[in-house]
Amino acid sequence: MKVREIHNFSNNLMQVVEKNIFMSIIEENLFNTGTKMTDFIKTLTRKNSLRKHCNELSLAEIDKVIADLNDIRVEIEETKRREEEIELAKKEKVEQIQRLMKEAGVDLDELKKGIEPTAARKTVKAKYVIEDAEGKEHAWSGRGRTPVAFREYMDKHGISKDQLPTAD
């Protein structure tokens, strides 16, 4: 009789859950056996697999899982609602700014003109210059990682960075 009740209850449970997460199955599958999350999701979304796992739970445990899932669902719905409200408020502000710009007769290009562009980085002058075995000239500012050509040159000549020939 108990198995039949659990079977019927698991059918009802699947309708309530609608592909949400069971805490007891998470513990069993993820923490004990190392099952991947995709397998866990497959278990949740397949009625027969879910029924199999529900047969191992008491009715009180199943009720707790349903309550937890309902709480999680409410949290997710509230989060999505807040995100939608933020997005709507942002959209309204953009529309308000566009309306104010139109009323003031200001074009977006005119606004861009008022903003000073950030200064481009200055290129650093090369401090060291060497010639490799092939006769190709290499220049380096001395900043950042040592280029391969300079590393090979220093190893070959047994010198340090400070002893490299400088650019005049």
Protein backbone atom coordinates (compact mmCIF):
# COMPACT_ATOMS: atom_id res chain seq x y z
CA MET A 1 0.00 0.00 0.00
CA LYS A 2 2.81 2.42 0.84
CA VAL A 3 4.49 1.88 -2.55
CA ARG A 4 1.20 2.62 -4.31
CA GLU A 5 0.76 5.84 -2.30
CA ILE A 6 4.30 6.91 -3.13
CA HIS A 7 3.72 6.08 -6.79
CA ASN A 8 0.59 8.24 -6.90
CA PHE A 9 2.26 10.96 -4.90
CA SER A 10 5.28 10.98 -7.23
CA ASN A 11 2.94 11.49 -10.18
CA ASN A 12 1.42 14.50 -8.42
CA LEU A 13 4.87 15.67 -7.40
CA MET A 14 6.08 15.79 -10.98
CA GLN A 15 3.19 18.07 -11.88
CA VAL A 16 4.04 20.43 -9.01
CA VAL A 17 7.80 20.40 -9.51
CA GLU A 18 7.92 21.13 -13.25
CA LYS A 19 11.62 20.53 -13.78
CA ASN A 20 12.86 22.12 -10.52
CA ILE A 21 15.58 20.79 -8.21
CA PHE A 22 15.12 18.15 -5.50
CA MET A 23 17.44 18.70 -2.57
CA SER A 24 17.59 15.03 -1.62
CA ILE A 25 18.48 13.97 -5.16
CA ILE A 26 21.18 16.64 -5.27
CA GLU A 27 22.75 15.22 -2.13
CA GLU A 28 22.52 11.64 -3.37
CA ASN A 29 23.69 12.19 -6.94
CA LEU A 30 26.13 15.07 -6.70
CA PHE A 31 27.79 14.62 -3.34
CA ASN A 32 27.86 10.84 -2.87
CA THR A 33 28.35 9.39 -6.35
CA GLY A 34 29.89 12.32 -8.20
CA THR A 35 27.21 12.27 -10.90
CA LYS A 36 27.40 15.19 -13.30
CA MET A 37 24.78 17.92 -13.13
CA THR A 38 23.43 16.98 -16.57
CA ASP A 39 22.56 13.53 -15.25
CA PHE A 40 20.85 15.14 -12.30
CA ILE A 41 18.77 17.37 -14.57
CA LYS A 42 17.86 14.35 -16.70
CA THR A 43 16.64 12.63 -13.53
CA LEU A 44 14.46 15.60 -12.65
CA THR A 45 12.95 15.95 -16.09
CA ARG A 46 12.15 12.28 -16.63
CA LYS A 47 9.09 11.07 -14.81
CA ASN A 48 10.20 7.44 -14.40
CA SER A 49 13.62 8.41 -13.05
CA LEU A 50 12.00 10.84 -10.67
CA ARG A 51 9.53 8.20 -9.53
CA LYS A 52 12.42 5.82 -8.81
CA HIS A 53 14.07 8.37 -6.54
CA CYS A 54 10.80 9.34 -4.89
CA ASN A 55 10.22 5.70 -3.94
CA GLU A 56 13.28 6.01 -1.71
CA LEU A 57 11.83 9.03 0.14
CA SER A 58 9.20 9.24 2.83
CA LEU A 59 6.10 11.34 2.25
CA ALA A 60 7.40 13.89 4.77
CA GLU A 61 10.65 14.20 2.81
CA ILE A 62 8.74 14.63 -0.44
CA ASP A 63 6.58 17.32 1.21
CA LYS A 64 9.74 19.10 2.36
CA VAL A 65 11.21 18.93 -1.16
CA ILE A 66 8.01 20.38 -2.61
CA ALA A 67 8.06 23.20 -0.04
CA ASP A 68 11.74 23.91 -0.78
CA LEU A 69 11.07 23.94 -4.50
CA ASN A 70 8.15 26.29 -4.09
CA ASP A 71 10.36 28.63 -2.02
CA ILE A 72 13.06 28.48 -4.70
CA ARG A 73 10.47 29.19 -7.39
CA VAL A 74 9.19 32.24 -5.49
CA GLU A 75 12.78 33.51 -5.06
CA ILE A 76 13.49 33.08 -8.78
CA GLU A 77 10.23 34.82 -9.73
CA GLU A 78 11.04 37.74 -7.40
CA THR A 79 14.56 38.04 -8.80
CA LYS A 80 13.26 38.04 -12.38
CA ARG A 81 10.59 40.58 -11.47
CA ARG A 82 13.21 42.88 -9.89
CA GLU A 83 15.45 42.55 -12.95
CA GLU A 84 12.53 43.41 -15.23
CA GLU A 85 11.69 46.45 -13.08
CA ILE A 86 15.30 47.66 -13.25
CA GLU A 87 15.36 47.16 -17.01
CA LEU A 88 12.05 49.00 -17.39
CA ALA A 89 13.27 51.91 -15.24
CA LYS A 90 16.45 52.10 -17.30
CA LYS A 91 14.43 52.12 -20.53
CA GLU A 92 12.19 54.88 -19.17
CA LYS A 93 15.25 56.98 -18.25
CA VAL A 94 16.68 56.54 -21.75
CA GLU A 95 13.36 57.62 -23.26
CA GLN A 96 13.23 60.62 -20.90
CA ILE A 97 16.77 61.66 -21.88
CA GLN A 98 15.93 61.28 -25.56
CA ARG A 99 12.80 63.39 -25.07
CA LEU A 100 14.76 66.10 -23.22
CA MET A 101 17.41 66.11 -25.94
CA LYS A 102 14.72 66.49 -28.60
CA GLU A 103 13.03 69.32 -26.68
CA ALA A 104 16.38 71.09 -26.24
CA GLY A 105 17.27 70.54 -29.88
CA VAL A 106 20.46 68.69 -28.97
CA ASP A 107 21.76 65.99 -31.27
CA LEU A 108 23.74 62.98 -30.08
CA ASP A 109 26.70 64.08 -32.21
CA GLU A 110 26.70 67.43 -30.41
CA LEU A 111 26.81 65.63 -27.09
CA LYS A 112 29.75 63.54 -28.23
CA LYS A 113 31.64 66.70 -29.21
CA GLY A 114 31.41 67.96 -25.64
CA ILE A 115 33.11 64.87 -24.28
CA GLU A 116 36.86 65.02 -24.40
CA PRO A 117 38.38 61.83 -25.70
CA THR A 118 40.83 60.07 -23.45
CA ALA A 119 44.40 60.72 -24.42
CA ALA A 120 45.95 57.94 -26.42
CA ARG A 121 48.90 56.25 -24.81
CA LYS A 122 52.21 57.55 -25.93
CA THR A 123 54.46 55.02 -27.56
CA VAL A 124 57.54 54.44 -25.50
CA LYS A 125 60.80 55.08 -27.27
CA ALA A 126 63.05 52.05 -27.69
CA LYS A 127 65.86 51.99 -25.15
CA TYR A 128 67.72 48.92 -26.41
CA VAL A 129 68.52 47.89 -29.98
CA ILE A 130 70.20 44.65 -31.04
CA GLU A 131 70.86 42.79 -34.25
CA ASP A 132 70.16 39.05 -34.31
CA ALA A 133 72.15 36.35 -36.14
CA GLU A 134 70.12 36.90 -39.31
CA GLY A 135 70.96 40.60 -39.35
CA LYS A 136 67.46 41.68 -38.34
CA GLU A 137 67.29 44.67 -35.98
CA HIS A 138 65.18 44.39 -32.81
CA ALA A 139 64.18 47.30 -30.57
CA TRP A 140 62.83 47.14 -27.01
CA SER A 141 61.81 49.82 -24.53
CA GLY A 142 63.00 47.77 -21.58
CA ARG A 143 59.47 47.50 -20.20
CA GLY A 144 57.41 44.37 -19.86
CA ARG A 145 58.55 40.86 -20.65
CA THR A 146 61.90 40.46 -22.30
CA PRO A 147 61.43 39.63 -25.98
CA VAL A 148 62.80 36.28 -27.15
CA ALA A 149 65.41 37.90 -29.40
CA PHE A 150 66.78 39.89 -26.45
CA ARG A 151 66.74 36.87 -24.14
CA GLU A 152 68.68 34.81 -26.68
CA TYR A 153 71.12 37.69 -27.23
CA MET A 154 71.76 38.07 -23.46
CA ASP A 155 72.22 34.30 -23.04
CA LYS A 156 74.58 34.08 -26.01
CA HIS A 157 76.74 37.00 -24.82
CA GLY A 158 76.42 36.30 -21.09
CA ILE A 159 75.17 39.79 -20.26
CA SER A 160 72.32 41.28 -18.25
CA LYS A 161 69.62 43.73 -19.33
CA ASP A 162 71.67 46.68 -18.07
CA GLN A 163 74.56 45.71 -20.35
CA LEU A 164 72.49 45.65 -23.56
CA PRO A 165 73.48 48.14 -26.26
CA THR A 166 71.30 51.25 -25.98
CA ALA A 167 69.67 53.12 -28.82
CA ASP A 168 71.36 56.46 -29.43
